[in-house]
């Protein structure tokens, strides 16, 4: 089953999600953005559980943009879980958060983040980062094989 390229945003701030969608649109990036509000929903989405069972509507993302400070299950816990899943452990994950604390950066990389980006303070910066994320992670970067993902195997 072929999957369409989707970006999954895990962020508890609805305004940040709306701004990110607008920034992708302004940058001319025509890629679906799925959004979840906390780490627990991110895990459910990635597992295809409950509401997210229909992979036609909720495909495995090509890129996960992950906030760290979320309720219920935080971004660190999502990363730790993700890297233990045989069908998902190679997923591209960019931590995109308001923190620039060295201990957060180090911990995210220790848990397997591919990149760490501080959220910009203005829309122009967000648009520029969106374009760079797209160009590098979704166009230029050679991603791992999707073989396990394309067959729907997770875990």
N, C-alpha and C. Protein backbone atom coordinates (compact mmCIF):
# COMPACT_ATOMS: atom_id res chain seq x y z
N UNK A 1 0.85 -1.17 0.00
CA UNK A 1 0.00 0.00 0.00
C UNK A 1 0.89 1.23 0.00
N UNK A 2 0.72 2.11 -0.92
CA UNK A 2 1.52 3.34 -0.97
C UNK A 2 0.99 4.34 0.04
N UNK A 3 1.89 5.07 0.64
CA UNK A 3 1.48 6.07 1.60
C UNK A 3 1.76 7.45 1.02
N UNK A 4 0.90 8.39 1.32
CA UNK A 4 1.19 9.74 0.86
C UNK A 4 2.09 10.39 1.90
N UNK A 5 2.88 11.31 1.43
CA UNK A 5 3.80 11.98 2.33
C UNK A 5 3.03 12.96 3.19
N UNK A 6 3.15 12.76 4.48
CA UNK A 6 2.45 13.57 5.47
C UNK A 6 3.43 13.98 6.54
N UNK A 7 3.21 15.15 7.10
CA UNK A 7 3.96 15.59 8.27
C UNK A 7 3.01 15.50 9.45
N UNK A 8 3.47 14.87 10.53
CA UNK A 8 2.70 14.81 11.76
C UNK A 8 3.29 15.81 12.74
N UNK A 9 2.44 16.70 13.24
CA UNK A 9 2.86 17.69 14.23
C UNK A 9 2.25 17.28 15.57
N UNK A 10 3.10 17.10 16.56
CA UNK A 10 2.64 16.80 17.91
C UNK A 10 2.95 18.02 18.77
N UNK A 11 1.91 18.79 19.07
CA UNK A 11 2.07 20.05 19.80
C UNK A 11 0.75 20.37 20.50
N UNK A 12 0.84 20.76 21.75
CA UNK A 12 -0.38 21.04 22.51
C UNK A 12 -0.91 22.45 22.31
N UNK A 13 -0.18 23.29 21.59
CA UNK A 13 -0.60 24.67 21.36
C UNK A 13 -1.30 24.78 20.00
N UNK A 14 -2.62 24.93 20.04
CA UNK A 14 -3.41 25.00 18.80
C UNK A 14 -2.95 26.15 17.90
N UNK A 15 -2.57 27.27 18.50
CA UNK A 15 -2.10 28.41 17.71
C UNK A 15 -0.81 28.09 16.97
N UNK A 16 0.09 27.36 17.62
CA UNK A 16 1.34 26.97 16.94
C UNK A 16 1.05 26.06 15.76
N UNK A 17 0.08 25.16 15.91
CA UNK A 17 -0.29 24.27 14.81
C UNK A 17 -0.88 25.08 13.65
N UNK A 18 -1.77 26.00 13.96
CA UNK A 18 -2.37 26.84 12.91
C UNK A 18 -1.32 27.66 12.20
N UNK A 19 -0.40 28.26 12.96
CA UNK A 19 0.67 29.06 12.37
C UNK A 19 1.58 28.21 11.49
N UNK A 20 1.87 27.00 11.94
CA UNK A 20 2.73 26.12 11.14
C UNK A 20 2.04 25.77 9.82
N UNK A 21 0.76 25.47 9.87
CA UNK A 21 0.02 25.18 8.63
C UNK A 21 0.06 26.39 7.69
N UNK A 22 -0.16 27.57 8.24
CA UNK A 22 -0.10 28.80 7.42
C UNK A 22 1.29 29.02 6.86
N UNK A 23 2.32 28.73 7.66
CA UNK A 23 3.70 28.91 7.21
C UNK A 23 4.02 27.96 6.06
N UNK A 24 3.59 26.71 6.16
CA UNK A 24 3.79 25.75 5.07
C UNK A 24 3.08 26.25 3.81
N UNK A 25 1.86 26.73 3.99
CA UNK A 25 1.08 27.23 2.85
C UNK A 25 1.77 28.43 2.22
N UNK A 26 2.21 29.38 3.05
CA UNK A 26 2.89 30.58 2.54
C UNK A 26 4.18 30.22 1.80
N UNK A 27 4.86 29.18 2.29
CA UNK A 27 6.10 28.73 1.65
C UNK A 27 5.83 27.91 0.39
N UNK A 28 4.56 27.66 0.07
CA UNK A 28 4.22 26.90 -1.13
C UNK A 28 4.42 25.40 -0.98
N UNK A 29 4.39 24.92 0.25
CA UNK A 29 4.60 23.50 0.51
C UNK A 29 3.24 22.82 0.56
N UNK A 30 3.01 21.95 -0.40
CA UNK A 30 1.72 21.27 -0.53
C UNK A 30 1.83 19.84 -0.01
N UNK A 31 1.95 19.73 1.30
CA UNK A 31 2.04 18.44 1.97
C UNK A 31 1.03 18.44 3.09
N UNK A 32 0.25 17.38 3.22
CA UNK A 32 -0.72 17.33 4.32
C UNK A 32 -0.02 17.38 5.68
N UNK A 33 -0.62 18.13 6.59
CA UNK A 33 -0.13 18.21 7.96
C UNK A 33 -1.21 17.65 8.87
N UNK A 34 -0.88 16.54 9.52
CA UNK A 34 -1.76 15.98 10.54
C UNK A 34 -1.28 16.52 11.88
N UNK A 35 -2.19 16.68 12.82
CA UNK A 35 -1.81 17.25 14.11
C UNK A 35 -2.44 16.46 15.24
N UNK A 36 -1.67 16.31 16.30
CA UNK A 36 -2.15 15.72 17.55
C UNK A 36 -1.76 16.67 18.67
N UNK A 37 -2.52 16.63 19.77
CA UNK A 37 -2.36 17.61 20.84
C UNK A 37 -1.50 17.18 22.01
N UNK A 38 -1.13 15.92 22.08
CA UNK A 38 -0.27 15.48 23.18
C UNK A 38 0.45 14.20 22.76
N UNK A 39 1.38 13.79 23.60
CA UNK A 39 2.18 12.62 23.27
C UNK A 39 1.38 11.33 23.21
N UNK A 40 0.36 11.22 24.03
CA UNK A 40 -0.48 10.02 24.01
C UNK A 40 -1.18 9.90 22.66
N UNK A 41 -1.71 11.00 22.15
CA UNK A 41 -2.34 10.98 20.82
C UNK A 41 -1.30 10.69 19.74
N UNK A 42 -0.08 11.21 19.90
CA UNK A 42 0.98 10.94 18.91
C UNK A 42 1.24 9.44 18.82
N UNK A 43 1.34 8.79 19.97
CA UNK A 43 1.58 7.34 19.99
C UNK A 43 0.40 6.59 19.38
N UNK A 44 -0.83 7.00 19.73
CA UNK A 44 -2.00 6.36 19.13
C UNK A 44 -2.01 6.52 17.62
N UNK A 45 -1.69 7.73 17.14
CA UNK A 45 -1.63 7.98 15.70
C UNK A 45 -0.60 7.05 15.06
N UNK A 46 0.60 7.02 15.62
CA UNK A 46 1.68 6.24 15.03
C UNK A 46 1.40 4.74 15.06
N UNK A 47 0.70 4.27 16.08
CA UNK A 47 0.32 2.86 16.17
C UNK A 47 -0.90 2.54 15.30
N UNK A 48 -1.65 3.55 14.91
CA UNK A 48 -2.89 3.32 14.18
C UNK A 48 -3.98 2.82 15.09
N UNK A 49 -3.98 3.29 16.33
CA UNK A 49 -4.98 2.87 17.32
C UNK A 49 -6.19 3.79 17.32
N UNK A 50 -7.31 3.21 17.75
CA UNK A 50 -8.54 3.94 18.01
C UNK A 50 -8.94 4.80 16.82
N UNK A 51 -9.09 6.09 17.03
CA UNK A 51 -9.51 7.05 16.02
C UNK A 51 -8.60 7.03 14.79
N UNK A 52 -7.34 6.66 14.98
CA UNK A 52 -6.32 6.74 13.92
C UNK A 52 -6.12 5.43 13.16
N UNK A 53 -7.05 4.50 13.26
CA UNK A 53 -6.88 3.18 12.65
C UNK A 53 -6.88 3.19 11.12
N UNK A 54 -7.56 4.14 10.51
CA UNK A 54 -7.66 4.20 9.05
C UNK A 54 -6.40 4.85 8.48
N UNK A 55 -5.49 4.03 7.94
CA UNK A 55 -4.23 4.55 7.40
C UNK A 55 -4.45 5.37 6.12
N UNK A 56 -5.58 5.23 5.48
CA UNK A 56 -5.88 6.09 4.35
C UNK A 56 -6.08 7.53 4.80
N UNK A 57 -6.71 7.70 5.94
CA UNK A 57 -6.95 9.03 6.50
C UNK A 57 -5.81 9.51 7.39
N UNK A 58 -5.11 8.55 8.01
CA UNK A 58 -4.03 8.88 8.96
C UNK A 58 -2.78 8.08 8.61
N UNK A 59 -2.13 8.44 7.49
CA UNK A 59 -0.97 7.67 7.04
C UNK A 59 0.24 7.85 7.97
N UNK A 60 1.13 6.86 7.92
CA UNK A 60 2.40 7.00 8.63
C UNK A 60 3.10 8.24 8.07
N UNK A 61 3.53 9.14 8.94
CA UNK A 61 4.15 10.37 8.43
C UNK A 61 5.56 10.16 7.90
N UNK A 62 5.93 11.00 6.95
CA UNK A 62 7.30 11.03 6.46
C UNK A 62 8.20 11.76 7.46
N UNK A 63 7.60 12.63 8.27
CA UNK A 63 8.35 13.44 9.22
C UNK A 63 7.46 13.73 10.42
N UNK A 64 8.03 13.62 11.61
CA UNK A 64 7.34 13.98 12.84
C UNK A 64 7.98 15.23 13.41
N UNK A 65 7.18 16.30 13.55
CA UNK A 65 7.62 17.51 14.23
C UNK A 65 7.08 17.42 15.65
N UNK A 66 7.98 17.34 16.62
CA UNK A 66 7.62 16.96 17.98
C UNK A 66 7.97 18.04 18.99
N UNK A 67 6.93 18.55 19.67
CA UNK A 67 7.15 19.46 20.79
C UNK A 67 7.53 18.61 22.00
N UNK A 68 8.29 19.19 22.91
CA UNK A 68 8.70 18.44 24.10
C UNK A 68 7.73 18.58 25.26
N UNK A 69 7.24 19.78 25.47
CA UNK A 69 6.41 20.09 26.63
C UNK A 69 4.94 19.93 26.27
N UNK A 70 4.44 18.69 26.46
CA UNK A 70 3.03 18.40 26.18
C UNK A 70 2.43 17.67 27.38
N UNK A 71 1.11 17.78 27.54
CA UNK A 71 0.47 17.07 28.65
C UNK A 71 0.40 15.56 28.40
N UNK A 72 0.08 14.84 29.45
CA UNK A 72 -0.13 13.39 29.45
C UNK A 72 1.16 12.63 29.14
N UNK A 73 1.64 12.68 27.94
CA UNK A 73 2.89 12.04 27.56
C UNK A 73 3.71 13.10 26.84
N UNK A 74 4.91 13.40 27.36
CA UNK A 74 5.69 14.49 26.76
C UNK A 74 6.51 13.99 25.56
N UNK A 75 7.14 14.93 24.90
CA UNK A 75 7.90 14.60 23.71
C UNK A 75 9.05 13.64 23.94
N UNK A 76 9.71 13.75 25.09
CA UNK A 76 10.78 12.81 25.42
C UNK A 76 10.25 11.39 25.49
N UNK A 77 9.10 11.23 26.12
CA UNK A 77 8.49 9.90 26.25
C UNK A 77 8.06 9.35 24.89
N UNK A 78 7.58 10.23 24.01
CA UNK A 78 7.23 9.79 22.65
C UNK A 78 8.48 9.31 21.93
N UNK A 79 9.55 10.06 22.02
CA UNK A 79 10.81 9.67 21.37
C UNK A 79 11.30 8.32 21.89
N UNK A 80 11.28 8.17 23.21
CA UNK A 80 11.73 6.92 23.81
C UNK A 80 10.89 5.75 23.32
N UNK A 81 9.57 5.92 23.29
CA UNK A 81 8.68 4.88 22.80
C UNK A 81 8.96 4.58 21.33
N UNK A 82 9.05 5.63 20.52
CA UNK A 82 9.21 5.50 19.08
C UNK A 82 10.45 4.71 18.71
N UNK A 83 11.55 4.98 19.37
CA UNK A 83 12.81 4.32 19.03
C UNK A 83 12.85 2.86 19.46
N UNK A 84 11.83 2.42 20.20
CA UNK A 84 11.73 1.02 20.60
C UNK A 84 10.80 0.21 19.69
N UNK A 85 10.17 0.88 18.73
CA UNK A 85 9.21 0.23 17.83
C UNK A 85 9.91 -0.20 16.55
N UNK A 86 9.95 -1.51 16.29
CA UNK A 86 10.71 -2.01 15.15
C UNK A 86 10.25 -1.40 13.82
N UNK A 87 8.98 -1.15 13.65
CA UNK A 87 8.48 -0.61 12.40
C UNK A 87 8.54 0.90 12.29
N UNK A 88 8.90 1.56 13.38
CA UNK A 88 8.90 3.03 13.40
C UNK A 88 10.21 3.65 13.85
N UNK A 89 11.13 2.85 14.34
CA UNK A 89 12.30 3.40 15.00
C UNK A 89 13.19 4.26 14.10
N UNK A 90 13.06 4.12 12.80
CA UNK A 90 13.86 4.93 11.88
C UNK A 90 13.13 6.19 11.41
N UNK A 91 11.92 6.42 11.92
CA UNK A 91 11.16 7.59 11.50
C UNK A 91 11.96 8.87 11.75
N UNK A 92 11.85 9.78 10.81
CA UNK A 92 12.54 11.07 10.94
C UNK A 92 11.78 11.94 11.94
N UNK A 93 12.50 12.40 12.96
CA UNK A 93 11.90 13.21 14.02
C UNK A 93 12.70 14.48 14.21
N UNK A 94 12.02 15.60 14.03
CA UNK A 94 12.61 16.90 14.33
C UNK A 94 11.89 17.43 15.57
N UNK A 95 12.65 17.61 16.63
CA UNK A 95 12.09 18.25 17.82
C UNK A 95 12.00 19.72 17.50
N UNK A 96 10.79 20.26 17.62
CA UNK A 96 10.55 21.68 17.34
C UNK A 96 9.82 22.23 18.56
N UNK A 97 10.55 22.95 19.39
CA UNK A 97 10.04 23.33 20.69
C UNK A 97 10.53 24.72 21.08
N UNK A 98 9.95 25.27 22.11
CA UNK A 98 10.36 26.61 22.56
C UNK A 98 11.62 26.56 23.43
N UNK A 99 12.00 25.39 23.87
CA UNK A 99 13.18 25.25 24.74
C UNK A 99 14.48 25.28 23.94
N UNK A 100 15.45 25.94 24.50
CA UNK A 100 16.81 25.82 23.97
C UNK A 100 17.78 25.49 25.10
N UNK A 101 17.23 24.83 26.13
CA UNK A 101 18.03 24.41 27.27
C UNK A 101 18.97 23.28 26.85
N UNK A 102 20.25 23.40 27.17
CA UNK A 102 21.21 22.35 26.77
C UNK A 102 20.80 20.94 27.22
N UNK A 103 20.23 20.82 28.41
CA UNK A 103 19.84 19.48 28.88
C UNK A 103 18.69 18.91 28.04
N UNK A 104 17.78 19.76 27.55
CA UNK A 104 16.70 19.29 26.67
C UNK A 104 17.26 18.86 25.32
N UNK A 105 18.17 19.66 24.79
CA UNK A 105 18.78 19.34 23.50
C UNK A 105 19.53 18.01 23.59
N UNK A 106 20.37 17.86 24.62
CA UNK A 106 21.14 16.63 24.78
C UNK A 106 20.23 15.43 24.97
N UNK A 107 19.21 15.56 25.80
CA UNK A 107 18.31 14.44 26.06
C UNK A 107 17.57 14.03 24.79
N UNK A 108 17.10 15.02 24.02
CA UNK A 108 16.40 14.70 22.77
C UNK A 108 17.30 13.91 21.82
N UNK A 109 18.54 14.34 21.67
CA UNK A 109 19.46 13.60 20.81
C UNK A 109 19.79 12.23 21.38
N UNK A 110 19.95 12.14 22.71
CA UNK A 110 20.20 10.85 23.35
C UNK A 110 19.07 9.86 23.08
N UNK A 111 17.84 10.37 22.99
CA UNK A 111 16.68 9.52 22.75
C UNK A 111 16.42 9.26 21.27
N UNK A 112 17.23 9.85 20.40
CA UNK A 112 17.13 9.51 18.98
C UNK A 112 16.54 10.57 18.07
N UNK A 113 16.41 11.81 18.53
CA UNK A 113 15.94 12.87 17.63
C UNK A 113 16.93 13.03 16.48
N UNK A 114 16.42 13.30 15.29
CA UNK A 114 17.28 13.55 14.14
C UNK A 114 17.74 14.99 14.07
N UNK A 115 16.96 15.89 14.68
CA UNK A 115 17.28 17.30 14.65
C UNK A 115 16.55 17.99 15.80
N UNK A 116 17.05 19.15 16.19
CA UNK A 116 16.44 19.94 17.27
C UNK A 116 16.38 21.38 16.80
N UNK A 117 15.18 21.94 16.75
CA UNK A 117 14.96 23.29 16.25
C UNK A 117 14.17 24.08 17.29
N UNK A 118 14.64 25.27 17.59
CA UNK A 118 13.90 26.14 18.49
C UNK A 118 12.82 26.85 17.66
N UNK A 119 11.59 26.86 18.20
CA UNK A 119 10.51 27.55 17.51
C UNK A 119 10.86 29.02 17.37
N UNK A 120 10.67 29.56 16.18
CA UNK A 120 10.95 30.99 15.99
C UNK A 120 9.90 31.84 16.69
N UNK A 121 10.26 33.07 16.94
CA UNK A 121 9.35 33.97 17.67
C UNK A 121 8.39 34.73 16.76
N UNK A 122 8.56 34.62 15.44
CA UNK A 122 7.66 35.35 14.54
C UNK A 122 7.30 34.48 13.33
N UNK A 123 6.26 34.92 12.62
CA UNK A 123 5.74 34.15 11.50
C UNK A 123 6.74 34.07 10.35
N UNK A 124 7.49 35.13 10.11
CA UNK A 124 8.49 35.12 9.04
C UNK A 124 9.53 34.04 9.31
N UNK A 125 9.97 33.95 10.55
CA UNK A 125 10.93 32.92 10.94
C UNK A 125 10.35 31.52 10.80
N UNK A 126 9.08 31.37 11.17
CA UNK A 126 8.42 30.07 11.06
C UNK A 126 8.29 29.65 9.60
N UNK A 127 7.98 30.60 8.73
CA UNK A 127 7.89 30.29 7.30
C UNK A 127 9.25 29.86 6.76
N UNK A 128 10.30 30.57 7.16
CA UNK A 128 11.65 30.20 6.71
C UNK A 128 12.04 28.81 7.20
N UNK A 129 11.76 28.52 8.46
CA UNK A 129 12.09 27.20 9.01
C UNK A 129 11.26 26.12 8.31
N UNK A 130 9.99 26.39 8.05
CA UNK A 130 9.14 25.43 7.35
C UNK A 130 9.73 25.08 6.00
N UNK A 131 10.17 26.08 5.28
CA UNK A 131 10.77 25.85 3.96
C UNK A 131 12.03 25.01 4.07
N UNK A 132 12.86 25.31 5.07
CA UNK A 132 14.10 24.56 5.25
C UNK A 132 13.82 23.13 5.69
N UNK A 133 12.86 22.94 6.57
CA UNK A 133 12.49 21.59 6.98
C UNK A 133 12.04 20.77 5.78
N UNK A 134 11.18 21.36 4.98
CA UNK A 134 10.69 20.69 3.78
C UNK A 134 11.84 20.36 2.84
N UNK A 135 12.64 21.38 2.52
CA UNK A 135 13.70 21.19 1.54
C UNK A 135 14.70 20.13 1.97
N UNK A 136 15.10 20.17 3.24
CA UNK A 136 16.10 19.21 3.69
C UNK A 136 15.48 17.83 3.98
N UNK A 137 14.53 17.77 4.92
CA UNK A 137 14.05 16.48 5.40
C UNK A 137 13.14 15.75 4.41
N UNK A 138 12.40 16.49 3.58
CA UNK A 138 11.44 15.84 2.70
C UNK A 138 11.87 15.81 1.24
N UNK A 139 12.87 16.59 0.87
CA UNK A 139 13.32 16.62 -0.52
C UNK A 139 14.76 16.12 -0.68
N UNK A 140 15.70 16.70 0.05
CA UNK A 140 17.11 16.39 -0.15
C UNK A 140 17.56 15.14 0.61
N UNK A 141 17.11 14.99 1.84
CA UNK A 141 17.52 13.89 2.69
C UNK A 141 17.07 12.54 2.12
N UNK A 142 17.96 11.55 2.17
CA UNK A 142 17.60 10.19 1.79
C UNK A 142 17.12 9.48 3.04
N UNK A 143 15.82 9.24 3.11
CA UNK A 143 15.22 8.62 4.29
C UNK A 143 15.44 7.12 4.28
N UNK A 144 15.36 6.50 5.46
CA UNK A 144 15.46 5.04 5.52
C UNK A 144 14.33 4.40 4.71
N UNK A 145 14.53 3.16 4.35
CA UNK A 145 13.52 2.42 3.61
C UNK A 145 12.21 2.39 4.38
N UNK A 146 11.12 2.51 3.67
CA UNK A 146 9.81 2.48 4.34
C UNK A 146 9.22 1.09 4.34
N UNK A 147 9.98 0.06 3.97
CA UNK A 147 9.43 -1.29 3.80
C UNK A 147 8.53 -1.72 4.96
N UNK A 148 8.98 -1.64 6.23
CA UNK A 148 8.07 -2.08 7.30
C UNK A 148 6.83 -1.21 7.38
N UNK A 149 6.98 0.09 7.13
CA UNK A 149 5.86 1.01 7.24
C UNK A 149 4.85 0.80 6.12
N UNK A 150 5.35 0.55 4.93
CA UNK A 150 4.45 0.40 3.78
C UNK A 150 3.58 -0.83 3.88
N UNK A 151 3.97 -1.75 4.73
CA UNK A 151 3.17 -2.96 4.93
C UNK A 151 2.36 -2.89 6.22
N UNK A 152 2.37 -1.73 6.87
CA UNK A 152 1.51 -1.53 8.02
C UNK A 152 1.99 -2.20 9.30
N UNK A 153 3.22 -2.68 9.34
CA UNK A 153 3.71 -3.36 10.55
C UNK A 153 4.30 -2.33 11.50
N UNK A 154 3.80 -2.33 12.71
CA UNK A 154 4.33 -1.46 13.77
C UNK A 154 4.52 -2.32 15.00
N UNK A 155 5.67 -2.12 15.65
CA UNK A 155 5.91 -2.83 16.91
C UNK A 155 6.74 -4.05 16.77
